[in-house]
N, C-alpha and C. Protein backbone atom coordinates (compact mmCIF):
# COMPACT_ATOMS: atom_id res chain seq x y z
N MET A 1 157.51 119.97 40.90
CA MET A 1 158.86 120.22 41.47
C MET A 1 158.84 119.98 43.03
N LEU A 2 157.76 120.43 43.60
CA LEU A 2 157.62 120.38 45.06
C LEU A 2 157.51 118.91 45.38
N GLY A 3 156.77 118.10 44.68
CA GLY A 3 156.58 116.69 44.86
C GLY A 3 157.94 115.96 44.75
N THR A 4 158.69 116.26 43.91
CA THR A 4 159.96 115.60 43.64
C THR A 4 160.95 115.85 44.92
N ARG A 5 160.87 117.03 45.29
CA ARG A 5 161.78 117.40 46.48
C ARG A 5 161.23 116.60 47.70
N SER A 6 159.95 116.53 47.89
CA SER A 6 159.33 115.86 49.05
C SER A 6 159.69 114.32 49.02
N CYS A 7 159.66 113.80 47.84
CA CYS A 7 159.98 112.33 47.65
C CYS A 7 161.46 112.12 47.91
N LEU A 8 162.35 113.11 47.43
CA LEU A 8 163.76 112.96 47.63
C LEU A 8 164.09 113.09 49.14
N ALA A 9 163.53 114.03 49.87
CA ALA A 9 163.69 114.20 51.22
C ALA A 9 163.24 113.04 52.00
N ALA A 10 162.15 112.42 51.69
CA ALA A 10 161.55 111.23 52.44
C ALA A 10 162.54 110.10 52.12
N ALA A 11 163.14 109.94 50.88
CA ALA A 11 163.97 108.85 50.61
C ALA A 11 165.30 109.02 51.43
N LEU A 12 165.77 110.29 51.51
CA LEU A 12 167.03 110.51 52.29
C LEU A 12 166.76 110.14 53.75
N ALA A 13 165.66 110.60 54.24
CA ALA A 13 165.38 110.47 55.65
C ALA A 13 165.29 108.90 55.99
N THR A 14 164.58 108.08 55.12
CA THR A 14 164.41 106.71 55.29
C THR A 14 165.86 106.15 55.25
N THR A 15 166.73 106.42 54.27
CA THR A 15 168.02 105.92 54.23
C THR A 15 168.88 106.26 55.50
N LEU A 16 168.73 107.48 56.02
CA LEU A 16 169.45 107.82 57.19
C LEU A 16 169.00 107.02 58.46
N VAL A 17 167.69 106.81 58.56
CA VAL A 17 167.14 105.98 59.67
C VAL A 17 167.59 104.59 59.60
N THR A 18 167.65 104.04 58.46
CA THR A 18 168.02 102.59 58.28
C THR A 18 169.41 102.27 58.38
N MET A 19 170.31 103.28 58.25
CA MET A 19 171.73 103.06 58.30
C MET A 19 172.01 102.68 59.75
N ALA A 20 172.88 101.64 59.96
CA ALA A 20 173.16 101.27 61.32
C ALA A 20 174.38 102.12 61.84
N ALA A 21 174.24 102.58 63.10
CA ALA A 21 175.26 103.25 63.74
C ALA A 21 176.27 102.30 64.23
N PRO A 22 177.61 102.62 64.23
CA PRO A 22 178.59 101.67 64.79
C PRO A 22 178.27 101.33 66.32
N ALA A 23 178.44 100.05 66.55
CA ALA A 23 178.19 99.57 67.94
C ALA A 23 179.12 100.25 69.00
N GLN A 24 178.75 100.84 70.02
CA GLN A 24 179.55 101.25 71.03
C GLN A 24 179.92 100.25 72.09
N ALA A 25 181.17 100.30 72.63
CA ALA A 25 181.54 99.43 73.66
C ALA A 25 180.77 99.57 74.84
N ALA A 26 180.45 98.47 75.55
CA ALA A 26 179.71 98.67 76.82
C ALA A 26 180.72 99.28 77.87
N PRO A 27 180.18 100.10 78.78
CA PRO A 27 181.19 100.73 79.69
C PRO A 27 181.65 99.68 80.79
N ALA A 28 182.83 99.84 81.23
CA ALA A 28 183.40 99.11 82.27
C ALA A 28 182.82 99.53 83.58
N THR A 29 183.05 98.77 84.68
CA THR A 29 182.61 99.11 85.97
C THR A 29 183.76 99.75 86.75
N LEU A 30 183.50 100.92 87.31
CA LEU A 30 184.40 101.66 88.14
C LEU A 30 184.04 101.32 89.58
N VAL A 31 184.83 100.54 90.33
CA VAL A 31 184.51 100.05 91.55
C VAL A 31 184.80 100.95 92.78
N SER A 32 186.00 101.55 92.81
CA SER A 32 186.37 102.39 93.94
C SER A 32 187.55 103.21 93.61
N ALA A 33 187.80 104.20 94.43
CA ALA A 33 188.98 105.08 94.32
C ALA A 33 189.35 105.48 95.72
N GLY A 34 190.63 105.63 96.03
CA GLY A 34 191.14 106.06 97.29
C GLY A 34 191.26 105.09 98.43
N PRO A 35 191.72 105.53 99.52
CA PRO A 35 192.26 106.81 99.90
C PRO A 35 193.50 107.20 99.25
N GLY A 36 193.80 108.43 99.32
CA GLY A 36 195.08 108.93 98.66
C GLY A 36 196.22 108.99 99.69
N ILE A 37 197.29 108.56 99.19
CA ILE A 37 198.60 108.68 100.01
C ILE A 37 199.51 109.75 99.58
N LEU A 38 199.69 110.74 100.51
CA LEU A 38 200.61 111.89 100.15
C LEU A 38 201.99 111.40 99.91
N VAL A 39 202.67 112.03 98.85
CA VAL A 39 204.01 111.70 98.53
C VAL A 39 204.75 113.05 98.60
N ALA A 40 205.96 113.01 99.24
CA ALA A 40 206.89 114.05 99.35
C ALA A 40 206.12 115.35 99.90
N LYS A 41 205.48 115.14 101.07
CA LYS A 41 204.76 116.24 101.76
C LYS A 41 203.78 116.92 100.91
N GLY A 42 203.03 116.19 100.10
CA GLY A 42 202.03 116.82 99.35
C GLY A 42 202.30 117.17 97.86
N ALA A 43 203.55 116.96 97.48
CA ALA A 43 204.02 117.25 96.16
C ALA A 43 203.31 116.40 95.05
N ALA A 44 202.69 115.24 95.54
CA ALA A 44 201.89 114.36 94.71
C ALA A 44 201.05 113.55 95.70
N VAL A 45 200.09 112.83 95.10
CA VAL A 45 199.17 111.99 95.86
C VAL A 45 198.99 110.67 94.97
N ASP A 46 199.26 109.55 95.61
CA ASP A 46 198.98 108.28 94.97
C ASP A 46 197.58 107.82 95.32
N VAL A 47 196.81 107.63 94.33
CA VAL A 47 195.38 107.16 94.51
C VAL A 47 195.09 105.81 93.79
N PRO A 48 194.73 104.85 94.67
CA PRO A 48 194.42 103.56 93.96
C PRO A 48 193.04 103.53 93.42
N VAL A 49 192.87 103.00 92.22
CA VAL A 49 191.60 102.96 91.52
C VAL A 49 191.40 101.46 91.11
N THR A 50 190.19 101.00 91.47
CA THR A 50 189.85 99.58 91.20
C THR A 50 188.67 99.71 90.21
N PHE A 51 188.81 98.73 89.16
CA PHE A 51 187.76 98.74 88.16
C PHE A 51 187.74 97.33 87.53
N MET A 52 186.70 97.01 86.78
CA MET A 52 186.56 95.84 85.98
C MET A 52 186.03 96.15 84.53
N CYS A 53 186.76 95.66 83.64
CA CYS A 53 186.24 95.89 82.28
C CYS A 53 185.83 94.46 81.65
N ASP A 54 185.16 93.60 82.43
CA ASP A 54 184.71 92.36 81.85
C ASP A 54 183.14 92.34 81.46
N THR A 55 182.56 93.51 81.55
CA THR A 55 181.21 93.64 81.03
C THR A 55 181.16 93.50 79.50
N ASP A 56 182.17 93.78 78.83
CA ASP A 56 182.25 93.56 77.36
C ASP A 56 183.55 92.93 77.01
N PRO A 57 183.50 91.65 76.45
CA PRO A 57 184.77 90.98 76.12
C PRO A 57 185.52 91.60 75.00
N ALA A 58 184.96 92.65 74.34
CA ALA A 58 185.67 93.31 73.26
C ALA A 58 186.66 94.38 73.78
N LEU A 59 186.52 94.77 75.07
CA LEU A 59 187.32 95.84 75.56
C LEU A 59 188.72 95.39 75.82
N THR A 60 189.68 96.12 75.33
CA THR A 60 191.07 95.85 75.43
C THR A 60 191.93 96.77 76.11
N ILE A 61 191.47 98.11 76.23
CA ILE A 61 192.32 99.14 76.76
C ILE A 61 191.49 99.88 77.85
N ALA A 62 192.15 100.15 78.95
CA ALA A 62 191.54 100.91 80.03
C ALA A 62 192.35 102.15 80.29
N ILE A 63 191.70 103.29 80.53
CA ILE A 63 192.48 104.52 80.80
C ILE A 63 191.70 105.22 81.99
N PRO A 64 192.21 104.92 83.29
CA PRO A 64 191.70 105.64 84.30
C PRO A 64 192.28 107.00 84.53
N VAL A 65 191.48 107.90 84.91
CA VAL A 65 192.05 109.32 85.19
C VAL A 65 191.41 109.76 86.41
N VAL A 66 192.25 110.39 87.36
CA VAL A 66 191.91 110.90 88.67
C VAL A 66 192.18 112.35 88.74
N GLN A 67 191.17 113.27 89.04
CA GLN A 67 191.28 114.62 89.17
C GLN A 67 190.90 114.93 90.58
N LEU A 68 191.84 115.69 91.30
CA LEU A 68 191.59 115.97 92.74
C LEU A 68 191.60 117.52 92.90
N THR A 69 190.76 118.00 93.86
CA THR A 69 190.86 119.41 94.27
C THR A 69 190.68 119.34 95.83
N GLN A 70 191.34 120.27 96.45
CA GLN A 70 191.30 120.23 97.97
C GLN A 70 191.45 121.75 98.37
N ARG A 71 190.67 122.11 99.37
CA ARG A 71 190.94 123.46 99.93
C ARG A 71 192.11 123.31 100.95
N VAL A 72 193.09 124.10 100.76
CA VAL A 72 194.34 123.86 101.56
C VAL A 72 194.56 124.98 102.65
N SER A 73 194.33 126.17 102.37
CA SER A 73 194.52 127.28 103.33
C SER A 73 193.92 128.50 102.72
N ASP A 74 193.39 129.43 103.58
CA ASP A 74 192.88 130.69 103.35
C ASP A 74 192.02 130.68 101.97
N GLY A 75 191.19 129.58 101.91
CA GLY A 75 190.37 129.46 100.65
C GLY A 75 191.08 129.10 99.31
N ARG A 76 192.28 128.88 99.39
CA ARG A 76 193.13 128.55 98.20
C ARG A 76 192.85 126.96 97.91
N ILE A 77 192.84 126.68 96.68
CA ILE A 77 192.58 125.26 96.21
C ILE A 77 193.90 124.69 95.54
N ALA A 78 194.15 123.53 95.97
CA ALA A 78 195.14 122.62 95.39
C ALA A 78 194.42 121.81 94.42
N GLY A 79 194.94 121.54 93.30
CA GLY A 79 194.32 120.69 92.31
C GLY A 79 195.25 120.08 91.31
N GLY A 80 194.93 118.94 90.82
CA GLY A 80 195.77 118.29 89.84
C GLY A 80 195.10 117.03 89.32
N ALA A 81 195.70 116.43 88.39
CA ALA A 81 195.19 115.17 87.75
C ALA A 81 196.41 114.24 87.37
N GLY A 82 195.88 113.01 87.21
CA GLY A 82 197.01 112.01 86.72
C GLY A 82 196.11 110.88 85.99
N ASN A 83 196.83 110.08 85.12
CA ASN A 83 196.15 109.01 84.48
C ASN A 83 197.16 107.88 84.20
N PHE A 84 196.58 106.78 83.63
CA PHE A 84 197.43 105.59 83.36
C PHE A 84 196.67 104.87 82.32
N GLN A 85 197.43 104.08 81.45
CA GLN A 85 196.74 103.32 80.46
C GLN A 85 197.34 101.80 80.62
N LEU A 86 196.36 100.95 80.59
CA LEU A 86 196.73 99.51 80.75
C LEU A 86 195.73 98.64 79.93
N SER A 87 196.07 97.39 79.79
CA SER A 87 195.24 96.46 79.20
C SER A 87 194.13 95.90 80.17
N CYS A 88 192.96 95.67 79.56
CA CYS A 88 191.93 94.97 80.30
C CYS A 88 192.23 93.43 80.50
N THR A 89 192.00 93.01 81.72
CA THR A 89 192.31 91.60 81.92
C THR A 89 191.00 90.79 82.19
N LYS A 90 189.91 91.43 82.11
CA LYS A 90 188.55 90.79 82.47
C LYS A 90 188.44 90.32 83.86
N GLN A 91 189.31 90.92 84.81
CA GLN A 91 189.14 90.62 86.27
C GLN A 91 189.30 91.96 86.87
N ALA A 92 188.99 91.98 88.21
CA ALA A 92 189.18 93.26 88.95
C ALA A 92 190.60 93.73 88.91
N GLN A 93 190.85 94.92 88.59
CA GLN A 93 192.18 95.49 88.38
C GLN A 93 192.34 96.68 89.36
N THR A 94 193.43 96.78 89.98
CA THR A 94 193.71 97.97 90.82
C THR A 94 194.94 98.63 90.30
N VAL A 95 194.93 99.90 89.98
CA VAL A 95 196.12 100.66 89.61
C VAL A 95 196.31 101.80 90.44
N THR A 96 197.54 102.26 90.74
CA THR A 96 197.77 103.43 91.55
C THR A 96 198.29 104.54 90.67
N ILE A 97 197.39 105.60 90.76
CA ILE A 97 197.57 106.81 89.82
C ILE A 97 198.14 107.79 90.64
N ARG A 98 199.31 108.34 90.11
CA ARG A 98 199.83 109.53 90.75
C ARG A 98 199.37 110.85 90.27
N VAL A 99 198.76 111.60 91.25
CA VAL A 99 198.25 112.92 90.89
C VAL A 99 199.23 113.99 91.42
N VAL A 100 199.59 114.81 90.42
CA VAL A 100 200.55 115.88 90.70
C VAL A 100 199.85 117.21 90.72
N PRO A 101 199.92 118.01 91.77
CA PRO A 101 199.28 119.26 91.86
C PRO A 101 199.76 120.29 90.86
N ASN A 102 198.89 121.24 90.48
CA ASN A 102 199.25 122.26 89.41
C ASN A 102 200.12 123.27 90.10
N VAL A 103 199.64 123.83 91.26
CA VAL A 103 200.47 124.85 91.92
C VAL A 103 200.79 124.61 93.34
N MET A 104 199.74 124.34 94.15
CA MET A 104 199.94 124.20 95.56
C MET A 104 199.88 122.72 95.92
N ALA A 105 200.69 122.41 97.00
CA ALA A 105 200.75 121.02 97.55
C ALA A 105 199.52 120.66 98.20
N PHE A 106 199.17 119.34 98.15
CA PHE A 106 197.98 118.72 98.86
C PHE A 106 198.37 118.67 100.27
N ASN A 107 197.29 118.63 101.09
CA ASN A 107 197.43 118.39 102.53
C ASN A 107 196.67 117.05 102.97
N GLU A 108 196.95 116.64 104.23
CA GLU A 108 196.08 115.69 104.77
C GLU A 108 194.62 116.15 104.91
N GLY A 109 193.72 115.25 104.79
CA GLY A 109 192.31 115.57 104.93
C GLY A 109 191.42 115.24 103.77
N ALA A 110 190.29 115.65 103.69
CA ALA A 110 189.35 115.44 102.60
C ALA A 110 189.82 116.15 101.28
N ALA A 111 189.40 115.48 100.27
CA ALA A 111 189.63 116.13 98.86
C ALA A 111 188.42 115.65 97.93
N ALA A 112 188.05 116.47 97.05
CA ALA A 112 186.99 116.14 96.02
C ALA A 112 187.79 115.37 94.90
N ALA A 113 187.18 114.26 94.57
CA ALA A 113 187.83 113.47 93.45
C ALA A 113 186.82 113.18 92.34
N SER A 114 187.26 113.35 91.08
CA SER A 114 186.46 112.88 89.93
C SER A 114 187.33 111.87 89.30
N VAL A 115 186.76 110.64 89.16
CA VAL A 115 187.50 109.53 88.65
C VAL A 115 186.80 109.15 87.41
N TYR A 116 187.51 109.22 86.23
CA TYR A 116 186.99 108.83 84.96
C TYR A 116 187.61 107.50 84.51
N LEU A 117 186.90 106.61 83.94
CA LEU A 117 187.43 105.35 83.33
C LEU A 117 186.95 105.36 81.89
N GLN A 118 187.91 105.45 80.96
CA GLN A 118 187.63 105.29 79.51
C GLN A 118 188.05 103.80 79.20
N THR A 119 187.31 103.05 78.54
CA THR A 119 187.63 101.81 77.93
C THR A 119 187.41 101.69 76.48
N CYS A 120 188.27 101.12 75.85
CA CYS A 120 188.11 101.09 74.35
C CYS A 120 188.40 99.66 73.84
N SER A 121 187.70 99.32 72.67
CA SER A 121 188.06 98.03 72.01
C SER A 121 189.17 98.35 71.02
N ALA A 122 189.58 97.20 70.42
CA ALA A 122 190.76 97.29 69.43
C ALA A 122 190.41 98.18 68.22
N GLN A 123 189.14 98.39 68.01
CA GLN A 123 188.56 99.18 66.93
C GLN A 123 188.35 100.56 67.33
N PHE A 124 188.84 101.03 68.54
CA PHE A 124 188.66 102.30 69.08
C PHE A 124 187.19 102.67 69.29
N GLN A 125 186.37 101.82 69.65
CA GLN A 125 185.02 102.16 70.11
C GLN A 125 185.10 102.17 71.55
N CYS A 126 184.83 103.44 72.06
CA CYS A 126 185.08 103.73 73.42
C CYS A 126 183.84 104.11 74.21
N SER A 127 183.95 103.98 75.52
CA SER A 127 182.85 104.44 76.37
C SER A 127 183.60 104.91 77.71
N ALA A 128 182.79 105.62 78.48
CA ALA A 128 183.44 106.08 79.69
C ALA A 128 182.44 106.08 80.77
N VAL A 129 182.96 106.08 82.02
CA VAL A 129 182.06 106.12 83.31
C VAL A 129 182.81 107.15 84.12
N ILE A 130 182.13 107.76 85.05
CA ILE A 130 182.66 108.75 86.02
C ILE A 130 182.04 108.50 87.32
N ILE A 131 182.86 108.80 88.39
CA ILE A 131 182.27 108.92 89.72
C ILE A 131 182.85 110.18 90.29
N ASN A 132 182.09 110.81 91.02
CA ASN A 132 182.44 112.08 91.72
C ASN A 132 182.28 111.63 93.19
N THR A 133 183.37 111.72 93.97
CA THR A 133 183.37 111.30 95.38
C THR A 133 184.30 112.25 96.15
N GLU A 134 184.41 111.88 97.45
CA GLU A 134 185.26 112.55 98.37
C GLU A 134 186.24 111.45 98.90
N ILE A 135 187.47 111.70 98.78
CA ILE A 135 188.47 110.73 99.41
C ILE A 135 189.32 111.42 100.51
N THR A 136 189.91 110.59 101.32
CA THR A 136 190.85 111.15 102.35
C THR A 136 192.23 111.07 101.90
N LEU A 137 192.96 112.12 102.07
CA LEU A 137 194.41 112.12 101.75
C LEU A 137 195.11 111.93 103.11
N ALA A 138 196.17 111.06 103.19
CA ALA A 138 196.78 110.80 104.44
C ALA A 138 198.29 110.61 104.15
N THR A 139 199.15 110.85 105.21
CA THR A 139 200.56 110.47 105.09
C THR A 139 200.73 108.91 105.12
N PRO A 140 201.82 108.36 104.65
CA PRO A 140 202.00 106.95 104.73
C PRO A 140 202.08 106.44 106.20
N ALA A 141 202.38 107.20 107.10
CA ALA A 141 202.45 106.71 108.55
C ALA A 141 200.99 106.53 108.95
N ASP A 142 200.05 107.45 108.54
CA ASP A 142 198.70 107.32 108.98
C ASP A 142 198.05 106.14 108.39
N THR A 143 198.52 105.55 107.32
CA THR A 143 197.84 104.44 106.64
C THR A 143 198.51 103.11 107.03
N GLY A 144 199.56 103.24 107.76
CA GLY A 144 200.33 101.94 108.21
C GLY A 144 201.27 101.51 107.15
N LEU A 145 201.46 102.29 106.07
CA LEU A 145 202.51 102.00 105.08
C LEU A 145 203.77 102.56 105.39
N GLN A 146 204.81 101.97 104.85
CA GLN A 146 206.18 102.43 105.15
C GLN A 146 206.45 103.64 104.25
N HIS A 147 207.37 104.60 104.83
CA HIS A 147 207.69 105.69 104.10
C HIS A 147 208.66 105.22 102.93
N GLN A 148 208.54 105.95 101.83
CA GLN A 148 209.32 105.46 100.64
C GLN A 148 210.56 106.43 100.61
């Protein structure tokens, strides 16, 4: 009886090892993020994100996500996130993601940013890359852009 179980377990293990796992999509390249442009006196921040998803021709969908946190006053933290979904073009793409704070408005100055980029094929085989960085938040006048 013990020999039968051992043979059965060995056969099951061999079967599991030889089964091919589904292929995962190769991750796209996250090139850069920021600087952030304050909107409506900090009620939101527009953050440009540049990426390329040409490392795998099967990638069709890109979902960049930006999460910001910033110390604003008396040790209080402003934080929020934003995302966008678009098609991969196999070329460098830049999209502006609007980050809306949860409670407190953002200020000019440095902010911690986590930028995620999830890319998926038409068969929903997905991969993700992340960069953690610091970006500068500025008013449109400080960046040379016109007020909206």
